[in-house]
Amino acid sequence: MKRKMVILLISVILLSAIYYYISLPDYVVVNSISFSSKNTRDTEIKVVIYKYHDIDNTVKAIEQEHNRINGTPTSLEMDLYYSRWHLRHGSEPFKTVIFNYTHN
């Protein structure tokens, strides 16, 4: 009987963890800062990535969504973090992606 209760408890905990992971978004944009001058607009965004599978497509989706909402800047710098905890406690981003755009 005790063994069945332990197995049931472990199963419930495992299913709860799986449900929590599935319910997380792929990413959350935490902060966005834009610097403008006469001919340039540089933007930096800080993003928490929750799901790391296919991260290149996730980065591309973030870029497209940002540019659709805010317009295309001269440069876009994305700092990617593992969690909000890492961001709050001053950890370095695990990846920084920079996009440079040319305007004609």
N, C-alpha and C. Protein backbone atom coordinates (compact mmCIF):
# COMPACT_ATOMS: atom_id res chain seq x y z
N MET A 1 0.82 -1.20 0.00
CA MET A 1 0.00 0.00 0.00
C MET A 1 0.86 1.26 0.00
N LYS A 2 1.91 1.24 0.80
CA LYS A 2 2.79 2.41 0.89
C LYS A 2 3.50 2.65 -0.44
N ARG A 3 3.89 1.57 -1.09
CA ARG A 3 4.58 1.69 -2.38
C ARG A 3 3.64 2.28 -3.44
N LYS A 4 2.38 1.89 -3.45
CA LYS A 4 1.41 2.44 -4.39
C LYS A 4 1.21 3.94 -4.17
N MET A 5 1.19 4.37 -2.92
CA MET A 5 1.03 5.79 -2.61
C MET A 5 2.23 6.60 -3.10
N VAL A 6 3.43 6.06 -2.94
CA VAL A 6 4.63 6.74 -3.40
C VAL A 6 4.62 6.87 -4.92
N ILE A 7 4.25 5.79 -5.60
CA ILE A 7 4.18 5.82 -7.06
C ILE A 7 3.12 6.82 -7.52
N LEU A 8 1.98 6.84 -6.86
CA LEU A 8 0.92 7.79 -7.20
C LEU A 8 1.38 9.23 -6.98
N LEU A 9 2.05 9.49 -5.87
CA LEU A 9 2.56 10.83 -5.57
C LEU A 9 3.60 11.28 -6.61
N ILE A 10 4.51 10.40 -6.96
CA ILE A 10 5.52 10.73 -7.97
C ILE A 10 4.85 10.99 -9.32
N SER A 11 3.84 10.21 -9.65
CA SER A 11 3.12 10.41 -10.92
C SER A 11 2.42 11.76 -10.96
N VAL A 12 1.78 12.13 -9.86
CA VAL A 12 1.09 13.43 -9.80
C VAL A 12 2.09 14.57 -9.93
N ILE A 13 3.21 14.47 -9.25
CA ILE A 13 4.24 15.52 -9.33
C ILE A 13 4.79 15.62 -10.74
N LEU A 14 5.04 14.49 -11.38
CA LEU A 14 5.57 14.48 -12.74
C LEU A 14 4.57 15.08 -13.73
N LEU A 15 3.31 14.70 -13.62
CA LEU A 15 2.28 15.25 -14.50
C LEU A 15 2.08 16.76 -14.27
N SER A 16 2.19 17.19 -13.02
CA SER A 16 2.08 18.62 -12.73
C SER A 16 3.24 19.40 -13.36
N ALA A 17 4.43 18.84 -13.29
CA ALA A 17 5.59 19.50 -13.89
C ALA A 17 5.45 19.58 -15.41
N ILE A 18 4.97 18.52 -16.02
CA ILE A 18 4.77 18.52 -17.48
C ILE A 18 3.71 19.55 -17.87
N TYR A 19 2.61 19.60 -17.13
CA TYR A 19 1.56 20.58 -17.42
C TYR A 19 2.08 22.01 -17.27
N TYR A 20 2.89 22.26 -16.23
CA TYR A 20 3.47 23.59 -16.03
C TYR A 20 4.36 23.98 -17.20
N TYR A 21 5.20 23.05 -17.65
CA TYR A 21 6.10 23.34 -18.77
C TYR A 21 5.31 23.63 -20.05
N ILE A 22 4.28 22.85 -20.31
CA ILE A 22 3.47 23.05 -21.51
C ILE A 22 2.75 24.39 -21.48
N SER A 23 2.34 24.84 -20.29
CA SER A 23 1.59 26.08 -20.19
C SER A 23 2.46 27.33 -20.28
N LEU A 24 3.78 27.18 -20.17
CA LEU A 24 4.67 28.34 -20.29
C LEU A 24 4.69 28.87 -21.72
N PRO A 25 4.83 30.19 -21.90
CA PRO A 25 5.02 30.70 -23.26
C PRO A 25 6.43 30.37 -23.74
N ASP A 26 6.65 30.49 -25.04
CA ASP A 26 8.00 30.24 -25.56
C ASP A 26 8.99 31.28 -25.05
N TYR A 27 8.53 32.53 -24.95
CA TYR A 27 9.39 33.62 -24.51
C TYR A 27 8.54 34.76 -23.95
N VAL A 28 9.21 35.66 -23.21
CA VAL A 28 8.58 36.87 -22.71
C VAL A 28 9.56 38.01 -22.90
N VAL A 29 9.12 39.08 -23.57
CA VAL A 29 9.95 40.27 -23.71
C VAL A 29 9.80 41.06 -22.41
N VAL A 30 10.92 41.24 -21.70
CA VAL A 30 10.87 41.87 -20.38
C VAL A 30 11.10 43.36 -20.46
N ASN A 31 12.02 43.79 -21.34
CA ASN A 31 12.40 45.19 -21.36
C ASN A 31 12.80 45.57 -22.78
N SER A 32 12.47 46.79 -23.16
CA SER A 32 12.84 47.30 -24.47
C SER A 32 13.29 48.74 -24.32
N ILE A 33 14.46 49.04 -24.86
CA ILE A 33 15.01 50.40 -24.79
C ILE A 33 15.40 50.81 -26.20
N SER A 34 15.03 52.03 -26.57
CA SER A 34 15.34 52.52 -27.90
C SER A 34 16.11 53.83 -27.77
N PHE A 35 17.21 53.94 -28.52
CA PHE A 35 18.04 55.15 -28.56
C PHE A 35 17.94 55.75 -29.95
N SER A 36 17.56 57.03 -30.02
CA SER A 36 17.37 57.66 -31.32
C SER A 36 18.28 58.88 -31.48
N SER A 37 18.70 59.08 -32.71
CA SER A 37 19.39 60.32 -33.09
C SER A 37 18.78 60.73 -34.43
N LYS A 38 19.41 61.68 -35.10
CA LYS A 38 18.85 62.20 -36.34
C LYS A 38 18.63 61.11 -37.40
N ASN A 39 19.62 60.23 -37.59
CA ASN A 39 19.55 59.25 -38.67
C ASN A 39 19.47 57.80 -38.21
N THR A 40 19.51 57.56 -36.91
CA THR A 40 19.54 56.18 -36.43
C THR A 40 18.52 55.96 -35.31
N ARG A 41 18.13 54.71 -35.16
CA ARG A 41 17.33 54.29 -34.01
C ARG A 41 17.81 52.89 -33.64
N ASP A 42 18.50 52.82 -32.52
CA ASP A 42 19.03 51.55 -32.02
C ASP A 42 18.13 51.06 -30.89
N THR A 43 17.80 49.79 -30.95
CA THR A 43 16.89 49.21 -29.96
C THR A 43 17.55 48.01 -29.30
N GLU A 44 17.39 47.93 -27.97
CA GLU A 44 17.86 46.79 -27.20
C GLU A 44 16.66 46.18 -26.49
N ILE A 45 16.51 44.87 -26.60
CA ILE A 45 15.43 44.21 -25.87
C ILE A 45 16.01 43.05 -25.06
N LYS A 46 15.43 42.84 -23.89
CA LYS A 46 15.82 41.73 -23.02
C LYS A 46 14.67 40.74 -23.01
N VAL A 47 15.00 39.48 -23.32
CA VAL A 47 13.98 38.45 -23.50
C VAL A 47 14.32 37.24 -22.63
N VAL A 48 13.31 36.73 -21.93
CA VAL A 48 13.46 35.48 -21.20
C VAL A 48 12.91 34.37 -22.09
N ILE A 49 13.76 33.38 -22.36
CA ILE A 49 13.39 32.25 -23.20
C ILE A 49 13.06 31.07 -22.28
N TYR A 50 11.83 30.57 -22.38
CA TYR A 50 11.42 29.45 -21.55
C TYR A 50 11.58 28.11 -22.24
N LYS A 51 11.42 28.10 -23.56
CA LYS A 51 11.53 26.85 -24.31
C LYS A 51 12.65 27.00 -25.33
N TYR A 52 13.66 26.14 -25.20
CA TYR A 52 14.89 26.30 -25.98
C TYR A 52 14.89 25.52 -27.29
N HIS A 53 13.91 24.66 -27.50
CA HIS A 53 13.88 23.92 -28.76
C HIS A 53 13.62 24.90 -29.90
N ASP A 54 14.34 24.75 -30.95
CA ASP A 54 14.17 25.58 -32.15
C ASP A 54 14.34 27.07 -31.83
N ILE A 55 15.41 27.40 -31.11
CA ILE A 55 15.63 28.77 -30.63
C ILE A 55 15.86 29.75 -31.78
N ASP A 56 16.43 29.29 -32.88
CA ASP A 56 16.67 30.20 -34.01
C ASP A 56 15.36 30.73 -34.59
N ASN A 57 14.36 29.87 -34.70
CA ASN A 57 13.05 30.32 -35.19
C ASN A 57 12.36 31.22 -34.17
N THR A 58 12.58 30.95 -32.89
CA THR A 58 12.01 31.81 -31.84
C THR A 58 12.60 33.20 -31.92
N VAL A 59 13.91 33.30 -32.11
CA VAL A 59 14.57 34.60 -32.24
C VAL A 59 14.05 35.33 -33.47
N LYS A 60 13.87 34.63 -34.56
CA LYS A 60 13.34 35.23 -35.79
C LYS A 60 11.91 35.73 -35.57
N ALA A 61 11.10 34.97 -34.83
CA ALA A 61 9.72 35.39 -34.54
C ALA A 61 9.70 36.64 -33.66
N ILE A 62 10.60 36.71 -32.69
CA ILE A 62 10.70 37.90 -31.83
C ILE A 62 11.07 39.12 -32.66
N GLU A 63 12.04 38.94 -33.55
CA GLU A 63 12.48 40.04 -34.42
C GLU A 63 11.33 40.53 -35.29
N GLN A 64 10.62 39.62 -35.93
CA GLN A 64 9.52 40.00 -36.81
C GLN A 64 8.40 40.68 -36.05
N GLU A 65 8.07 40.18 -34.88
CA GLU A 65 7.00 40.78 -34.08
C GLU A 65 7.39 42.18 -33.62
N HIS A 66 8.63 42.34 -33.18
CA HIS A 66 9.11 43.66 -32.76
C HIS A 66 9.05 44.64 -33.91
N ASN A 67 9.54 44.26 -35.07
CA ASN A 67 9.56 45.16 -36.22
C ASN A 67 8.16 45.45 -36.74
N ARG A 68 7.24 44.51 -36.62
CA ARG A 68 5.87 44.74 -37.04
C ARG A 68 5.19 45.77 -36.14
N ILE A 69 5.43 45.68 -34.85
CA ILE A 69 4.79 46.58 -33.90
C ILE A 69 5.46 47.95 -33.87
N ASN A 70 6.79 47.98 -33.84
CA ASN A 70 7.54 49.22 -33.61
C ASN A 70 8.20 49.81 -34.85
N GLY A 71 8.14 49.14 -35.96
CA GLY A 71 8.87 49.60 -37.13
C GLY A 71 10.29 49.05 -37.09
N THR A 72 10.95 49.06 -38.23
CA THR A 72 12.29 48.51 -38.31
C THR A 72 13.32 49.55 -37.86
N PRO A 73 14.10 49.23 -36.82
CA PRO A 73 15.13 50.17 -36.36
C PRO A 73 16.39 50.06 -37.22
N THR A 74 17.39 50.88 -36.91
CA THR A 74 18.69 50.77 -37.58
C THR A 74 19.40 49.51 -37.12
N SER A 75 19.34 49.23 -35.81
CA SER A 75 19.89 47.99 -35.27
C SER A 75 19.01 47.50 -34.13
N LEU A 76 18.96 46.18 -33.99
CA LEU A 76 18.18 45.54 -32.94
C LEU A 76 19.09 44.56 -32.22
N GLU A 77 19.27 44.76 -30.92
CA GLU A 77 20.09 43.87 -30.10
C GLU A 77 19.18 43.13 -29.13
N MET A 78 19.24 41.80 -29.19
CA MET A 78 18.41 40.96 -28.33
C MET A 78 19.30 40.24 -27.35
N ASP A 79 19.07 40.47 -26.05
CA ASP A 79 19.77 39.74 -25.00
C ASP A 79 18.83 38.65 -24.50
N LEU A 80 19.26 37.40 -24.58
CA LEU A 80 18.43 36.26 -24.20
C LEU A 80 18.88 35.71 -22.86
N TYR A 81 17.92 35.52 -21.95
CA TYR A 81 18.19 35.04 -20.60
C TYR A 81 17.45 33.74 -20.34
N TYR A 82 17.99 32.92 -19.41
CA TYR A 82 17.35 31.67 -19.05
C TYR A 82 16.08 31.88 -18.22
N SER A 83 16.10 32.90 -17.34
CA SER A 83 14.95 33.15 -16.48
C SER A 83 14.98 34.60 -16.01
N ARG A 84 13.86 35.04 -15.41
CA ARG A 84 13.82 36.38 -14.83
C ARG A 84 14.79 36.51 -13.67
N TRP A 85 15.03 35.42 -12.97
CA TRP A 85 15.97 35.43 -11.86
C TRP A 85 17.36 35.84 -12.36
N HIS A 86 17.81 35.27 -13.47
CA HIS A 86 19.11 35.62 -14.04
C HIS A 86 19.15 37.09 -14.43
N LEU A 87 18.08 37.58 -14.97
CA LEU A 87 18.00 38.98 -15.38
C LEU A 87 18.05 39.91 -14.17
N ARG A 88 17.26 39.61 -13.14
CA ARG A 88 17.21 40.45 -11.93
C ARG A 88 18.53 40.47 -11.18
N HIS A 89 19.26 39.37 -11.20
CA HIS A 89 20.49 39.29 -10.42
C HIS A 89 21.75 39.60 -11.21
N GLY A 90 21.59 40.20 -12.36
CA GLY A 90 22.73 40.72 -13.11
C GLY A 90 23.55 39.69 -13.85
N SER A 91 23.00 38.52 -14.10
CA SER A 91 23.73 37.52 -14.87
C SER A 91 23.86 37.98 -16.32
N GLU A 92 24.90 37.54 -16.95
CA GLU A 92 25.08 37.84 -18.37
C GLU A 92 24.06 37.03 -19.18
N PRO A 93 23.61 37.56 -20.31
CA PRO A 93 22.70 36.78 -21.15
C PRO A 93 23.43 35.55 -21.70
N PHE A 94 22.68 34.46 -21.91
CA PHE A 94 23.33 33.27 -22.46
C PHE A 94 23.58 33.43 -23.95
N LYS A 95 22.88 34.39 -24.58
CA LYS A 95 23.10 34.63 -26.01
C LYS A 95 22.68 36.06 -26.32
N THR A 96 23.46 36.73 -27.15
CA THR A 96 23.10 38.05 -27.65
C THR A 96 23.08 37.99 -29.17
N VAL A 97 21.97 38.45 -29.73
CA VAL A 97 21.80 38.44 -31.18
C VAL A 97 21.65 39.89 -31.63
N ILE A 98 22.39 40.29 -32.65
CA ILE A 98 22.34 41.65 -33.16
C ILE A 98 21.93 41.62 -34.64
N PHE A 99 20.90 42.40 -34.95
CA PHE A 99 20.45 42.56 -36.32
C PHE A 99 20.76 43.99 -36.75
N ASN A 100 21.44 44.16 -37.88
CA ASN A 100 21.70 45.48 -38.44
C ASN A 100 20.89 45.60 -39.74
N TYR A 101 20.16 46.69 -39.84
CA TYR A 101 19.33 46.91 -41.01
C TYR A 101 19.86 48.13 -41.78
N THR A 102 19.80 48.06 -43.09
CA THR A 102 20.20 49.20 -43.91
C THR A 102 18.94 49.84 -44.48
N HIS A 103 18.86 51.15 -44.37
CA HIS A 103 17.72 51.89 -44.91
C HIS A 103 18.17 52.62 -46.16
N ASN A 104 17.37 52.54 -47.18
CA ASN A 104 17.70 53.25 -48.44
C ASN A 104 16.87 54.50 -48.57
